[in-house]
């Protein structure tokens, strides 16, 4: 069973199961899994836009960093309302990179 319609992949990933519990290995795995299934991918961690073949076609830098305190809630992890607006705008810009010109 796959999370993506038409995909035959049964890959699962958990950031907590990666070495050191960081998100970077999980993000790399999801990027590779998307390419293996021919699915374009936008990484919110790096801002990288990957086409269906897995080639990096553009980068927008990390979507939200801890340096932008107005976008991170009081728990230090989750985005605020303003953070979600920022994420939405960055994701739209990244998806435009993936659209045929």
N, C-alpha and C. Protein backbone atom coordinates (compact mmCIF):
# COMPACT_ATOMS: atom_id res chain seq x y z
N UNK A 1 0.84 -1.17 0.00
CA UNK A 1 0.00 0.00 0.00
C UNK A 1 0.89 1.24 0.00
N UNK A 2 0.45 2.27 -0.74
CA UNK A 2 1.25 3.47 -0.87
C UNK A 2 0.45 4.69 -0.46
N UNK A 3 1.18 5.72 -0.03
CA UNK A 3 0.54 6.98 0.31
C UNK A 3 0.21 7.79 -0.93
N UNK A 4 0.78 7.40 -2.08
CA UNK A 4 0.58 8.14 -3.31
C UNK A 4 -0.24 7.31 -4.29
N UNK A 5 -1.34 7.88 -4.84
CA UNK A 5 -2.13 7.14 -5.83
C UNK A 5 -1.26 6.73 -7.01
N UNK A 6 -1.43 5.51 -7.46
CA UNK A 6 -0.67 5.01 -8.60
C UNK A 6 0.71 4.51 -8.28
N UNK A 7 1.18 4.71 -7.07
CA UNK A 7 2.50 4.28 -6.68
C UNK A 7 2.44 2.85 -6.15
N UNK A 8 3.48 2.10 -6.43
CA UNK A 8 3.56 0.73 -5.93
C UNK A 8 4.46 0.64 -4.71
N UNK A 9 4.95 1.75 -4.26
CA UNK A 9 5.88 1.76 -3.14
C UNK A 9 5.17 1.48 -1.82
N UNK A 10 5.87 0.77 -0.96
CA UNK A 10 5.35 0.53 0.39
C UNK A 10 6.32 1.10 1.42
N UNK A 11 7.11 2.07 1.01
CA UNK A 11 8.11 2.65 1.89
C UNK A 11 7.47 3.40 3.05
N UNK A 12 8.07 3.28 4.20
CA UNK A 12 7.67 4.10 5.34
C UNK A 12 8.94 4.68 5.93
N UNK A 13 8.82 5.79 6.60
CA UNK A 13 9.98 6.42 7.20
C UNK A 13 9.55 7.10 8.50
N UNK A 14 10.44 7.08 9.46
CA UNK A 14 10.17 7.75 10.72
C UNK A 14 11.42 8.52 11.11
N UNK A 15 11.26 9.81 11.32
CA UNK A 15 12.42 10.62 11.71
C UNK A 15 13.02 10.13 13.01
N UNK A 16 12.19 9.60 13.90
CA UNK A 16 12.71 9.15 15.19
C UNK A 16 13.54 7.88 15.06
N UNK A 17 13.40 7.17 13.94
CA UNK A 17 14.19 5.94 13.78
C UNK A 17 15.51 6.19 13.06
N UNK A 18 15.74 7.41 12.62
CA UNK A 18 16.99 7.71 11.92
C UNK A 18 18.12 7.90 12.93
N UNK A 19 19.37 7.71 12.49
CA UNK A 19 20.49 7.89 13.41
C UNK A 19 20.48 9.28 14.03
N UNK A 20 20.53 9.34 15.32
CA UNK A 20 20.55 10.62 16.02
C UNK A 20 19.18 11.26 16.14
N UNK A 21 18.15 10.64 15.56
CA UNK A 21 16.81 11.18 15.67
C UNK A 21 16.58 12.44 14.86
N UNK A 22 17.52 12.81 13.98
CA UNK A 22 17.36 14.03 13.19
C UNK A 22 16.45 13.83 12.00
N UNK A 23 16.04 14.94 11.40
CA UNK A 23 15.16 14.86 10.25
C UNK A 23 15.90 14.75 8.93
N UNK A 24 17.17 15.13 8.87
CA UNK A 24 17.89 15.13 7.61
C UNK A 24 17.94 13.75 6.95
N UNK A 25 18.29 12.68 7.66
CA UNK A 25 18.27 11.36 7.00
C UNK A 25 16.88 10.98 6.50
N UNK A 26 15.85 11.32 7.25
CA UNK A 26 14.48 11.02 6.82
C UNK A 26 14.15 11.80 5.56
N UNK A 27 14.54 13.06 5.50
CA UNK A 27 14.28 13.88 4.32
C UNK A 27 14.99 13.31 3.10
N UNK A 28 16.23 12.87 3.29
CA UNK A 28 16.98 12.26 2.18
C UNK A 28 16.30 10.99 1.71
N UNK A 29 15.78 10.21 2.63
CA UNK A 29 15.09 8.98 2.28
C UNK A 29 13.81 9.27 1.50
N UNK A 30 13.04 10.26 1.95
CA UNK A 30 11.80 10.62 1.26
C UNK A 30 12.11 11.14 -0.13
N UNK A 31 13.16 11.93 -0.28
CA UNK A 31 13.57 12.42 -1.59
C UNK A 31 13.89 11.25 -2.52
N UNK A 32 14.65 10.28 -2.03
CA UNK A 32 15.00 9.11 -2.84
C UNK A 32 13.78 8.26 -3.16
N UNK A 33 12.89 8.10 -2.19
CA UNK A 33 11.68 7.30 -2.41
C UNK A 33 10.79 7.95 -3.45
N UNK A 34 10.66 9.26 -3.41
CA UNK A 34 9.84 9.97 -4.40
C UNK A 34 10.42 9.78 -5.79
N UNK A 35 11.75 9.89 -5.92
CA UNK A 35 12.39 9.70 -7.22
C UNK A 35 12.19 8.27 -7.72
N UNK A 36 12.29 7.30 -6.83
CA UNK A 36 12.11 5.90 -7.22
C UNK A 36 10.70 5.64 -7.75
N UNK A 37 9.74 6.41 -7.24
CA UNK A 37 8.35 6.27 -7.69
C UNK A 37 7.97 7.26 -8.77
N UNK A 38 8.93 8.09 -9.22
CA UNK A 38 8.66 9.06 -10.28
C UNK A 38 7.77 10.20 -9.83
N UNK A 39 7.92 10.61 -8.58
CA UNK A 39 7.09 11.67 -8.01
C UNK A 39 7.96 12.89 -7.72
N UNK A 40 7.59 14.07 -8.24
CA UNK A 40 8.35 15.28 -7.87
C UNK A 40 8.26 15.50 -6.37
N UNK A 41 9.26 16.16 -5.81
CA UNK A 41 9.31 16.36 -4.36
C UNK A 41 9.90 17.72 -4.04
N UNK A 42 9.34 18.37 -3.04
CA UNK A 42 9.87 19.62 -2.52
C UNK A 42 10.22 19.37 -1.05
N UNK A 43 11.49 19.60 -0.70
CA UNK A 43 11.94 19.40 0.67
C UNK A 43 11.80 20.68 1.47
N UNK A 44 10.94 20.70 2.50
CA UNK A 44 10.86 21.90 3.32
C UNK A 44 12.10 22.11 4.18
N UNK A 45 12.90 21.07 4.38
CA UNK A 45 14.12 21.22 5.18
C UNK A 45 15.20 21.96 4.41
N UNK A 46 15.34 21.65 3.11
CA UNK A 46 16.40 22.25 2.31
C UNK A 46 15.88 23.28 1.31
N UNK A 47 14.59 23.20 0.98
CA UNK A 47 14.03 24.05 -0.07
C UNK A 47 14.33 23.52 -1.46
N UNK A 48 14.89 22.32 -1.53
CA UNK A 48 15.21 21.72 -2.83
C UNK A 48 13.96 21.26 -3.56
N UNK A 49 13.91 21.54 -4.87
CA UNK A 49 12.81 21.09 -5.74
C UNK A 49 13.38 20.01 -6.65
N UNK A 50 12.85 18.80 -6.52
CA UNK A 50 13.34 17.67 -7.29
C UNK A 50 12.28 17.25 -8.30
N UNK A 51 12.69 17.02 -9.55
CA UNK A 51 11.73 16.58 -10.54
C UNK A 51 11.43 15.10 -10.35
N UNK A 52 10.57 14.53 -11.20
CA UNK A 52 10.13 13.14 -11.05
C UNK A 52 11.28 12.15 -11.20
N UNK A 53 12.38 12.56 -11.83
CA UNK A 53 13.55 11.69 -11.96
C UNK A 53 14.51 11.83 -10.78
N UNK A 54 14.20 12.74 -9.86
CA UNK A 54 15.04 12.94 -8.68
C UNK A 54 16.14 13.95 -8.85
N UNK A 55 16.12 14.71 -9.97
CA UNK A 55 17.14 15.72 -10.20
C UNK A 55 16.76 17.03 -9.51
N UNK A 56 17.71 17.62 -8.81
CA UNK A 56 17.50 18.91 -8.18
C UNK A 56 17.41 19.96 -9.28
N UNK A 57 16.27 20.64 -9.36
CA UNK A 57 16.09 21.63 -10.42
C UNK A 57 16.09 23.06 -9.90
N UNK A 58 15.89 23.22 -8.60
CA UNK A 58 15.92 24.55 -7.99
C UNK A 58 16.05 24.39 -6.49
N UNK A 59 16.51 25.44 -5.84
CA UNK A 59 16.55 25.44 -4.38
C UNK A 59 16.11 26.79 -3.87
N UNK A 60 15.37 26.76 -2.80
CA UNK A 60 14.84 27.98 -2.20
C UNK A 60 15.33 28.17 -0.77
N UNK A 61 16.27 27.35 -0.32
CA UNK A 61 16.75 27.43 1.05
C UNK A 61 15.71 26.88 2.02
N UNK A 62 16.11 26.60 3.24
CA UNK A 62 15.18 26.05 4.23
C UNK A 62 13.95 26.94 4.36
N UNK A 63 12.78 26.32 4.45
CA UNK A 63 11.53 27.08 4.48
C UNK A 63 11.36 27.88 5.76
N UNK A 64 11.61 27.29 6.88
CA UNK A 64 11.53 28.00 8.15
C UNK A 64 12.72 27.56 9.00
N UNK A 65 13.40 28.53 9.56
CA UNK A 65 14.52 28.22 10.44
C UNK A 65 14.23 28.75 11.84
N UNK A 66 14.95 28.25 12.81
CA UNK A 66 14.73 28.70 14.19
C UNK A 66 15.11 30.17 14.36
N UNK A 67 15.84 30.74 13.41
CA UNK A 67 16.21 32.14 13.51
C UNK A 67 15.01 33.06 13.29
N UNK A 68 13.96 32.54 12.67
CA UNK A 68 12.77 33.34 12.42
C UNK A 68 11.77 33.03 13.52
N UNK A 69 11.94 33.67 14.67
CA UNK A 69 11.14 33.34 15.85
C UNK A 69 9.66 33.66 15.69
N UNK A 70 9.30 34.61 14.84
CA UNK A 70 7.88 34.94 14.64
C UNK A 70 7.13 33.80 13.97
N UNK A 71 7.86 32.88 13.35
CA UNK A 71 7.23 31.78 12.63
C UNK A 71 7.20 30.49 13.43
N UNK A 72 7.86 30.46 14.57
CA UNK A 72 7.91 29.26 15.40
C UNK A 72 7.15 29.52 16.69
N UNK A 73 6.26 28.59 17.06
CA UNK A 73 5.43 28.75 18.25
C UNK A 73 6.22 28.65 19.54
N UNK A 74 5.52 28.83 20.62
CA UNK A 74 6.13 28.82 21.95
C UNK A 74 6.78 27.50 22.32
N UNK A 75 6.36 26.40 21.66
CA UNK A 75 6.99 25.11 21.95
C UNK A 75 8.33 24.94 21.26
N UNK A 76 8.70 25.90 20.41
CA UNK A 76 9.99 25.84 19.72
C UNK A 76 10.04 24.85 18.58
N UNK A 77 8.89 24.27 18.22
CA UNK A 77 8.85 23.24 17.19
C UNK A 77 7.84 23.56 16.09
N UNK A 78 6.63 23.86 16.48
CA UNK A 78 5.54 23.99 15.52
C UNK A 78 5.40 25.42 15.01
N UNK A 79 4.96 25.53 13.76
CA UNK A 79 4.79 26.84 13.13
C UNK A 79 3.59 27.58 13.73
N UNK A 80 3.73 28.90 13.80
CA UNK A 80 2.61 29.77 14.19
C UNK A 80 1.72 29.96 12.97
N UNK A 81 0.63 30.71 13.12
CA UNK A 81 -0.21 31.03 11.96
C UNK A 81 0.61 31.73 10.89
N UNK A 82 1.43 32.68 11.29
CA UNK A 82 2.29 33.39 10.34
C UNK A 82 3.29 32.42 9.70
N UNK A 83 3.75 31.45 10.47
CA UNK A 83 4.66 30.44 9.93
C UNK A 83 4.00 29.58 8.87
N UNK A 84 2.72 29.24 9.10
CA UNK A 84 1.99 28.46 8.10
C UNK A 84 1.77 29.25 6.82
N UNK A 85 1.53 30.55 6.95
CA UNK A 85 1.41 31.41 5.76
C UNK A 85 2.73 31.43 5.01
N UNK A 86 3.82 31.58 5.74
CA UNK A 86 5.15 31.57 5.13
C UNK A 86 5.40 30.25 4.41
N UNK A 87 5.10 29.14 5.08
CA UNK A 87 5.27 27.82 4.46
C UNK A 87 4.45 27.70 3.19
N UNK A 88 3.21 28.12 3.23
CA UNK A 88 2.34 28.02 2.05
C UNK A 88 2.92 28.81 0.88
N UNK A 89 3.38 30.01 1.14
CA UNK A 89 3.96 30.83 0.07
C UNK A 89 5.23 30.20 -0.49
N UNK A 90 6.07 29.67 0.37
CA UNK A 90 7.31 29.03 -0.09
C UNK A 90 7.01 27.76 -0.88
N UNK A 91 6.02 26.98 -0.43
CA UNK A 91 5.66 25.75 -1.14
C UNK A 91 5.09 26.08 -2.52
N UNK A 92 4.24 27.09 -2.60
CA UNK A 92 3.69 27.49 -3.90
C UNK A 92 4.82 27.90 -4.84
N UNK A 93 5.78 28.68 -4.37
CA UNK A 93 6.91 29.09 -5.20
C UNK A 93 7.72 27.88 -5.67
N UNK A 94 7.91 26.92 -4.77
CA UNK A 94 8.67 25.72 -5.12
C UNK A 94 7.91 24.87 -6.14
N UNK A 95 6.61 24.73 -5.96
CA UNK A 95 5.81 23.94 -6.90
C UNK A 95 5.85 24.58 -8.28
N UNK A 96 5.84 25.89 -8.34
CA UNK A 96 5.94 26.58 -9.65
C UNK A 96 7.22 26.16 -10.38
N UNK A 97 8.28 25.91 -9.63
CA UNK A 97 9.55 25.46 -10.26
C UNK A 97 9.35 24.11 -10.94
N UNK A 98 8.44 23.31 -10.42
CA UNK A 98 8.21 21.96 -10.94
C UNK A 98 7.22 21.93 -12.10
N UNK A 99 6.52 23.03 -12.31
CA UNK A 99 5.51 23.08 -13.38
C UNK A 99 6.19 23.24 -14.74
N UNK A 100 5.60 22.66 -15.79
CA UNK A 100 6.17 22.88 -17.13
C UNK A 100 6.11 24.37 -17.49
N UNK A 101 7.16 24.83 -18.12
CA UNK A 101 7.21 26.26 -18.49
C UNK A 101 6.63 26.48 -19.85
